[in-house]
Amino acid sequence: MIYLDNAATSFPKPEQVYLRIDDVLRRISGNPGRASHRMAIEASRVIFSAREAVAKLINIPDSSRVAFTKNATEAVNIALKGLLKQGDHLITTSFEHNSVAKTVGRLEQGGIEVTRVRPDNEGFITAKDIELAIRKNTKIVCVSHASNVFGTLQDIEEIGALCKKKGIIFMADGAQTVGALPIDINKMNIDILAATGHKALFGPQGTGFLYLREGIEPEPLVNGGTGELDTVLEVPDRLESGTMNTPGVGGLCAGVEFLLNEGVQKIRYHEEGLIAELLRGLGEIEGVNIIGPKQASKRAALVAFNIEGKKPAEVGIKLDEQFEIMVRTGAHCAPDAHREAGTHPDGAVRVSPGYFTKPQEISFFLDAVRTIAKK
């Protein structure tokens, strides 16, 4: 079997991730912050260690500004719903993942003003595009660092610098990039960062985090389930209602530690090479149409494409059943992006290698696509 769906969930994980989850479940199993006995204290250490690892990864000095969530979608909801009030103006894009798009749609119904900036043909937007959309009541600019359909890497450093100059909160959706590319919160002028744990961070499903710059204090999305009165809790505790997924966060910590030891730049170099080969090989196959930029350096580690005359689902089934290759097909939870790409409603085939993908697996995949395209 060849697994090429890492943009959905990375697989396999580093061995220490599996071992850490098992260790927390078997040896610790206490509720963090809920008691003074040794297992509860040890569970709190698991959570704290994970915060410290994430803080080091994204280059922030205060790990208490990291709140753990069950995924990037929850992180997005906490930030946008907790900060925006009726009459505020939000700038986002017309090709966001549903985690942003659906949340923004709900906020719009509640009186939030929204401007959706459209991209060029390759999925790029610029700081100038954002600047033209700014109003007096603009409070937040929310942009995906990389589209999960176009693959396009936005210049969030430039967009963040514009927001900083204008006194606007800049929020980045890093679901496809945190762990896969170097992220420096200060250099990129990011005020809020939403990330998931089960993709490039090598953590298990059901984990993620929300980073908030000091001074940004959203209202909790969920209340109760804490050891103190909600009114006196500080970030991150007041955003983490209920019992934490301690085994999951432990596994996430192990994944981040693996990244820190390997070096994110090393991982990016490997994945960018695989994407370059995919773009070259797919570009040579007659009838294949690639979505997004043709340069590997301008995109995350994913390529969405279609074969003329064939439904994406049909191609995905053939890759699985005939070649034992796992890819993603359909709308990728981002129908707005497919509308912009002209591939709605069927979507596309998306291939996404990871750090453990071998070059020969990419060659086998390309041979399989050639075979399918010819039939």
Protein backbone atom coordinates (compact mmCIF):
# COMPACT_ATOMS: atom_id res chain seq x y z
CA MET A 1 0.00 0.00 0.00
CA ILE A 2 1.15 3.52 -0.82
CA TYR A 3 -0.37 6.26 1.33
CA LEU A 4 -0.51 9.67 -0.37
CA ASP A 5 -3.20 11.46 1.66
CA ASN A 6 -1.03 13.25 4.19
CA ALA A 7 -2.81 16.57 3.66
CA ALA A 8 -5.82 14.91 5.33
CA THR A 9 -3.98 12.95 8.04
CA SER A 10 -0.29 12.08 8.12
CA PHE A 11 0.63 8.39 8.04
CA PRO A 12 2.68 6.72 9.30
CA LYS A 13 3.54 8.63 12.47
CA PRO A 14 6.98 8.56 14.06
CA GLU A 15 7.22 5.54 16.34
CA GLN A 16 7.60 7.72 19.44
CA VAL A 17 4.11 9.14 18.86
CA TYR A 18 2.52 5.70 19.21
CA LEU A 19 4.70 4.91 22.22
CA ARG A 20 3.88 8.21 23.98
CA ILE A 21 0.13 7.77 23.58
CA ASP A 22 0.37 4.23 24.94
CA ASP A 23 2.53 5.37 27.84
CA VAL A 24 0.12 8.16 28.86
CA LEU A 25 -2.86 5.81 28.66
CA ARG A 26 -1.20 3.00 30.59
CA ARG A 27 0.97 4.81 33.12
CA ILE A 28 -0.58 8.22 33.80
CA SER A 29 -4.32 8.42 33.00
CA GLY A 30 -4.96 11.17 35.57
CA ASN A 31 -6.98 14.31 34.86
CA PRO A 32 -4.62 17.28 34.39
CA GLY A 33 -5.31 20.14 36.80
CA ARG A 34 -8.07 18.23 38.60
CA ALA A 35 -6.32 16.80 41.67
CA SER A 36 -3.10 16.87 43.69
CA HIS A 37 -2.24 13.18 43.45
CA ARG A 38 0.78 12.05 41.47
CA MET A 39 -1.10 10.84 38.37
CA ALA A 40 -2.95 14.15 37.99
CA ILE A 41 0.29 16.07 38.47
CA GLU A 42 2.02 13.89 35.88
CA ALA A 43 -0.87 14.48 33.47
CA SER A 44 -0.43 18.23 33.94
CA ARG A 45 3.24 17.80 33.07
CA VAL A 46 2.22 16.08 29.82
CA ILE A 47 0.10 19.09 28.84
CA PHE A 48 2.76 21.60 29.90
CA SER A 49 5.49 19.79 27.95
CA ALA A 50 3.32 19.88 24.84
CA ARG A 51 2.72 23.63 25.24
CA GLU A 52 6.44 24.21 25.58
CA ALA A 53 7.19 22.13 22.47
CA VAL A 54 4.61 23.99 20.37
CA ALA A 55 5.90 27.34 21.65
CA LYS A 56 9.42 26.42 20.57
CA LEU A 57 8.19 25.26 17.16
CA ILE A 58 6.44 28.55 16.34
CA ASN A 59 8.97 30.74 18.20
CA ILE A 60 6.98 32.27 21.04
CA PRO A 61 8.39 32.92 24.55
CA ASP A 62 5.18 32.30 26.53
CA SER A 63 3.65 28.84 26.06
CA SER A 64 0.54 29.87 28.01
CA ARG A 65 -0.61 31.63 24.84
CA VAL A 66 -1.19 28.18 23.30
CA ALA A 67 -4.61 26.62 23.93
CA PHE A 68 -5.15 23.02 22.89
CA THR A 69 -8.20 22.15 20.80
CA LYS A 70 -9.56 19.01 19.19
CA ASN A 71 -8.69 20.27 15.67
CA ALA A 72 -8.08 23.40 13.59
CA THR A 73 -11.82 23.82 13.03
CA GLU A 74 -12.43 24.26 16.74
CA ALA A 75 -9.51 26.68 16.97
CA VAL A 76 -10.98 28.78 14.14
CA ASN A 77 -14.40 28.82 15.79
CA ILE A 78 -12.99 29.89 19.16
CA ALA A 79 -11.08 32.79 17.65
CA LEU A 80 -13.64 34.17 15.21
CA LYS A 81 -16.76 33.63 17.32
CA GLY A 82 -15.01 34.76 20.47
CA LEU A 83 -13.68 38.04 19.08
CA LEU A 84 -16.08 39.36 16.43
CA LYS A 85 -19.15 41.35 17.51
CA GLN A 86 -22.09 42.72 15.55
CA GLY A 87 -20.93 45.60 13.38
CA ASP A 88 -17.33 44.36 13.07
CA HIS A 89 -15.84 43.80 9.62
CA LEU A 90 -13.88 40.66 8.68
CA ILE A 91 -11.70 40.17 5.61
CA THR A 92 -11.10 36.64 4.40
CA THR A 93 -10.80 34.92 1.00
CA SER A 94 -13.25 33.26 -1.37
CA PHE A 95 -11.38 29.94 -1.29
CA GLU A 96 -11.17 29.06 2.38
CA HIS A 97 -11.64 25.60 3.86
CA ASN A 98 -15.11 25.05 5.32
CA SER A 99 -13.69 25.43 8.83
CA VAL A 100 -13.37 29.13 8.04
CA ALA A 101 -16.01 29.50 5.31
CA LYS A 102 -18.89 27.96 7.30
CA THR A 103 -17.92 29.78 10.48
CA VAL A 104 -17.78 33.09 8.62
CA GLY A 105 -21.15 32.36 7.02
CA ARG A 106 -22.74 31.85 10.44
CA LEU A 107 -21.16 35.07 11.75
CA GLU A 108 -22.42 36.96 8.72
CA GLN A 109 -25.96 35.91 9.61
CA GLY A 110 -25.39 37.46 13.03
CA GLY A 111 -24.46 40.90 11.75
CA ILE A 112 -20.73 40.58 11.05
CA GLU A 113 -19.71 42.34 7.83
CA VAL A 114 -17.56 40.17 5.56
CA THR A 115 -15.40 40.81 2.49
CA ARG A 116 -14.11 37.79 0.59
CA VAL A 117 -11.02 38.55 -1.49
CA ARG A 118 -10.77 36.55 -4.71
CA PRO A 119 -7.48 34.99 -5.88
CA ASP A 120 -5.76 34.96 -9.25
CA ASN A 121 -5.83 31.84 -11.45
CA GLU A 122 -3.17 30.10 -9.36
CA GLY A 123 -4.81 30.84 -6.02
CA PHE A 124 -2.66 33.78 -4.91
CA ILE A 125 -3.79 36.91 -3.12
CA THR A 126 -1.61 39.90 -2.23
CA ALA A 127 -1.36 42.38 0.60
CA LYS A 128 -2.62 44.98 -1.86
CA ASP A 129 -5.77 42.91 -2.39
CA ILE A 130 -6.29 42.91 1.37
CA GLU A 131 -5.55 46.62 1.69
CA LEU A 132 -8.21 47.51 -0.86
CA ALA A 133 -10.80 45.67 1.25
CA ILE A 134 -10.00 47.39 4.56
CA ARG A 135 -12.72 49.53 6.16
CA LYS A 136 -12.84 51.67 9.28
CA ASN A 137 -14.50 48.83 11.20
CA THR A 138 -12.19 46.04 9.97
CA LYS A 139 -11.20 43.99 13.02
CA ILE A 140 -9.70 40.75 11.68
CA VAL A 141 -8.05 39.52 8.49
CA CYS A 142 -8.24 35.71 8.28
CA VAL A 143 -6.29 33.90 5.56
CA SER A 144 -5.19 30.30 5.00
CA HIS A 145 -1.41 30.04 4.82
CA ALA A 146 -1.86 27.33 2.18
CA SER A 147 -5.01 26.31 0.34
CA ASN A 148 -5.83 22.63 0.67
CA VAL A 149 -7.01 22.67 -2.98
CA PHE A 150 -4.72 25.09 -4.86
CA GLY A 151 -1.77 24.26 -2.61
CA THR A 152 -0.79 27.91 -2.95
CA LEU A 153 1.45 29.39 -0.26
CA GLN A 154 0.35 32.92 0.57
CA ASP A 155 2.84 35.62 1.55
CA ILE A 156 1.47 35.88 5.06
CA GLU A 157 4.51 37.80 6.25
CA GLU A 158 3.59 40.65 3.89
CA ILE A 159 -0.12 40.43 4.77
CA GLY A 160 0.74 40.34 8.48
CA ALA A 161 2.95 43.40 8.17
CA LEU A 162 0.08 45.29 6.51
CA CYS A 163 -2.31 44.31 9.31
CA LYS A 164 0.21 45.34 11.96
CA LYS A 165 0.61 48.74 10.29
CA LYS A 166 -3.16 49.21 10.13
CA GLY A 167 -3.82 47.99 13.69
CA ILE A 168 -5.87 45.00 12.50
CA ILE A 169 -5.70 41.49 13.98
CA PHE A 170 -4.12 39.02 11.54
CA MET A 171 -5.23 35.41 11.82
CA ALA A 172 -3.63 32.59 9.82
CA ASP A 173 -5.10 29.14 9.24
CA GLY A 174 -2.02 26.95 9.38
CA ALA A 175 -3.71 23.56 9.02
CA GLN A 176 -1.60 22.66 5.97
CA THR A 177 1.66 24.35 6.96
CA VAL A 178 2.39 24.18 10.70
CA GLY A 179 5.04 21.50 10.97
CA ALA A 180 5.57 21.33 7.22
CA LEU A 181 7.17 24.76 6.84
CA PRO A 182 9.10 26.97 9.27
CA ILE A 183 6.66 29.20 11.17
CA ASP A 184 7.94 32.23 13.06
CA ILE A 185 5.06 34.07 14.72
CA ASN A 186 6.97 37.34 15.16
CA LYS A 187 8.64 37.41 11.77
CA MET A 188 5.32 36.67 10.04
CA ASN A 189 3.39 39.17 12.19
CA ILE A 190 0.79 36.55 13.12
CA ASP A 191 -1.61 37.51 15.92
CA ILE A 192 -3.69 34.32 15.84
CA LEU A 193 -2.68 30.91 14.49
CA ALA A 194 -5.03 27.93 14.15
CA ALA A 195 -3.44 24.53 13.60
CA THR A 196 -4.34 20.87 13.62
CA GLY A 197 -2.28 18.13 15.21
CA HIS A 198 -2.96 15.18 12.93
CA LYS A 199 -1.37 16.48 9.73
CA ALA A 200 2.21 17.79 9.55
CA LEU A 201 2.65 17.81 13.33
CA PHE A 202 2.43 13.97 13.30
CA GLY A 203 -0.01 13.95 16.23
CA PRO A 204 -3.17 11.82 16.50
CA GLN A 205 -6.58 12.87 15.26
CA GLY A 206 -8.53 14.88 17.82
CA THR A 207 -5.70 17.31 18.55
CA GLY A 208 -4.88 20.86 17.52
CA PHE A 209 -4.05 24.25 19.00
CA LEU A 210 -4.84 27.94 18.92
CA TYR A 211 -2.12 30.55 19.43
CA LEU A 212 -3.18 34.01 20.61
CA ARG A 213 -0.86 36.98 20.86
CA GLU A 214 -0.86 38.61 24.30
CA GLY A 215 -3.80 41.00 24.65
CA ILE A 216 -6.09 39.02 22.35
CA GLU A 217 -8.69 37.42 24.61
CA PRO A 218 -11.65 35.74 22.87
CA GLU A 219 -14.71 34.67 24.78
CA PRO A 220 -14.81 30.90 25.40
CA LEU A 221 -16.68 28.81 22.85
CA VAL A 222 -17.61 26.28 25.57
CA ASN A 223 -18.25 27.07 29.22
CA GLY A 224 -17.95 24.91 32.32
CA GLY A 225 -15.98 21.76 33.00
CA THR A 226 -13.17 23.61 34.75
CA GLY A 227 -11.90 23.54 38.30
CA GLU A 228 -12.39 27.26 38.94
CA LEU A 229 -14.98 29.91 38.20
CA ASP A 230 -14.89 30.63 34.46
CA THR A 231 -14.78 34.37 35.16
CA VAL A 232 -11.38 34.17 36.85
CA LEU A 233 -9.65 31.77 34.48
CA GLU A 234 -6.88 33.01 32.20
CA VAL A 235 -5.85 31.80 28.76
CA PRO A 236 -5.30 28.96 28.04
CA ASP A 237 -7.42 27.35 30.78
CA ARG A 238 -10.65 29.20 30.04
CA LEU A 239 -10.53 28.05 26.41
CA GLU A 240 -9.97 24.39 27.36
CA SER A 241 -13.24 23.47 29.07
CA GLY A 242 -13.70 19.85 30.07
CA THR A 243 -11.22 17.06 30.57
CA MET A 244 -8.26 17.36 28.23
CA ASN A 245 -7.37 14.70 25.66
CA THR A 246 -4.19 14.01 27.59
CA PRO A 247 -3.07 10.92 25.63
CA GLY A 248 -3.69 12.79 22.38
CA VAL A 249 -1.80 15.88 23.52
CA GLY A 250 1.01 13.61 24.69
CA GLY A 251 1.17 12.09 21.21
CA LEU A 252 1.11 15.57 19.69
CA CYS A 253 4.01 16.55 21.91
CA ALA A 254 6.00 13.55 20.68
CA GLY A 255 5.26 14.53 17.09
CA VAL A 256 6.43 18.10 17.65
CA GLU A 257 9.56 16.87 19.41
CA PHE A 258 10.28 14.70 16.37
CA LEU A 259 9.93 17.78 14.15
CA LEU A 260 12.24 19.82 16.34
CA ASN A 261 14.87 17.06 16.31
CA GLU A 262 14.67 16.43 12.55
CA GLY A 263 14.38 20.11 11.60
CA VAL A 264 11.37 21.53 9.79
CA GLN A 265 13.57 22.83 6.98
CA LYS A 266 14.84 19.29 6.32
CA ILE A 267 11.27 18.04 6.12
CA ARG A 268 10.29 20.86 3.78
CA TYR A 269 13.27 20.12 1.51
CA HIS A 270 12.24 16.46 1.20
CA GLU A 271 8.56 17.18 0.55
CA GLU A 272 9.29 20.00 -1.89
CA GLY A 273 11.42 17.61 -3.94
CA LEU A 274 8.55 15.11 -4.10
CA ILE A 275 6.11 17.84 -5.16
CA ALA A 276 8.50 19.00 -7.88
CA GLU A 277 8.58 15.46 -9.26
CA LEU A 278 4.79 15.19 -9.08
CA LEU A 279 4.33 18.47 -10.94
CA ARG A 280 6.83 17.43 -13.59
CA GLY A 281 5.36 13.97 -14.07
CA LEU A 282 1.70 14.98 -14.03
CA GLY A 283 2.45 17.86 -16.39
CA GLU A 284 3.73 15.37 -18.97
CA ILE A 285 0.59 13.22 -18.96
CA GLU A 286 -1.88 14.08 -21.69
CA GLY A 287 -5.29 15.09 -20.36
CA VAL A 288 -4.12 15.94 -16.83
CA ASN A 289 -5.03 19.40 -15.56
CA ILE A 290 -3.22 20.62 -12.44
CA ILE A 291 -4.80 23.10 -10.03
CA GLY A 292 -2.57 25.83 -8.63
CA PRO A 293 1.02 26.95 -9.29
CA LYS A 294 3.41 24.76 -11.24
CA GLN A 295 6.44 25.59 -9.06
CA ALA A 296 6.97 23.37 -6.01
CA SER A 297 8.47 26.25 -4.01
CA LYS A 298 5.19 28.15 -4.25
CA ARG A 299 2.97 25.46 -2.81
CA ALA A 300 2.42 23.18 0.17
CA ALA A 301 3.01 19.43 -0.14
CA LEU A 302 -0.13 18.65 -2.12
CA VAL A 303 -1.22 18.61 -5.76
CA ALA A 304 -4.84 18.54 -6.88
CA PHE A 305 -5.57 17.55 -10.47
CA ASN A 306 -8.14 16.09 -12.83
CA ILE A 307 -7.97 13.79 -15.83
CA GLU A 308 -10.10 14.91 -18.76
CA GLY A 309 -13.16 12.72 -19.25
CA LYS A 310 -12.85 10.99 -15.86
CA LYS A 311 -14.59 11.74 -12.57
CA PRO A 312 -12.23 12.28 -9.62
CA ALA A 313 -14.01 9.60 -7.59
CA GLU A 314 -13.52 7.13 -10.46
CA VAL A 315 -9.78 7.86 -10.56
CA GLY A 316 -9.50 7.53 -6.80
CA ILE A 317 -11.23 4.16 -6.78
CA LYS A 318 -8.97 2.83 -9.55
CA LEU A 319 -5.85 4.04 -7.74
CA ASP A 320 -7.00 2.22 -4.61
CA GLU A 321 -8.38 -1.00 -6.06
CA GLN A 322 -5.91 -1.55 -8.92
CA PHE A 323 -2.72 0.00 -7.53
CA GLU A 324 -3.27 0.16 -3.74
CA ILE A 325 -2.59 3.91 -3.71
CA MET A 326 -4.50 6.06 -1.22
CA VAL A 327 -5.38 9.61 -2.35
CA ARG A 328 -8.17 12.08 -1.58
CA THR A 329 -10.94 12.87 -4.07
CA GLY A 330 -13.96 15.18 -4.10
CA ALA A 331 -14.35 18.70 -2.75
CA HIS A 332 -11.83 18.34 0.12
CA CYS A 333 -14.18 20.18 2.52
CA ALA A 334 -13.52 23.31 0.46
CA PRO A 335 -16.29 23.76 -2.15
CA ASP A 336 -15.58 27.49 -2.39
CA ALA A 337 -12.02 26.77 -3.49
CA HIS A 338 -13.29 24.37 -6.16
CA ARG A 339 -15.69 27.03 -7.39
CA GLU A 340 -12.73 29.36 -7.84
CA ALA A 341 -10.75 26.58 -9.55
CA GLY A 342 -13.64 25.71 -11.86
CA THR A 343 -13.84 22.14 -10.57
CA HIS A 344 -17.09 22.33 -8.58
CA PRO A 345 -19.06 20.15 -7.84
CA ASP A 346 -16.99 17.05 -8.63
CA GLY A 347 -13.81 18.41 -7.12
CA ALA A 348 -10.46 16.85 -7.94
CA VAL A 349 -7.96 14.12 -7.15
CA ARG A 350 -5.49 15.28 -4.49
CA VAL A 351 -2.14 13.62 -3.94
CA SER A 352 -0.19 14.65 -0.85
CA PRO A 353 3.13 13.00 0.03
CA GLY A 354 4.70 13.26 3.46
CA TYR A 355 8.08 13.07 5.13
CA PHE A 356 8.06 9.27 5.03
CA THR A 357 7.09 9.07 1.34
CA LYS A 358 9.82 7.60 -0.87
CA PRO A 359 10.70 8.90 -4.37
CA GLN A 360 9.98 5.45 -5.86
CA GLU A 361 6.44 5.66 -4.51
CA ILE A 362 5.94 8.89 -6.45
CA SER A 363 7.23 7.15 -9.59
CA PHE A 364 4.80 4.27 -9.08
CA PHE A 365 1.95 6.74 -8.58
CA LEU A 366 2.80 8.59 -11.80
CA ASP A 367 2.90 5.30 -13.73
CA ALA A 368 -0.53 4.47 -12.32
CA VAL A 369 -1.97 7.84 -13.42
CA ARG A 370 -0.52 7.32 -16.91
CA THR A 371 -2.24 3.96 -17.11
CA ILE A 372 -5.59 5.36 -15.96
CA ALA A 373 -5.34 8.36 -18.29
CA LYS A 374 -4.75 6.12 -21.33
CA LYS A 375 -7.74 3.86 -20.73
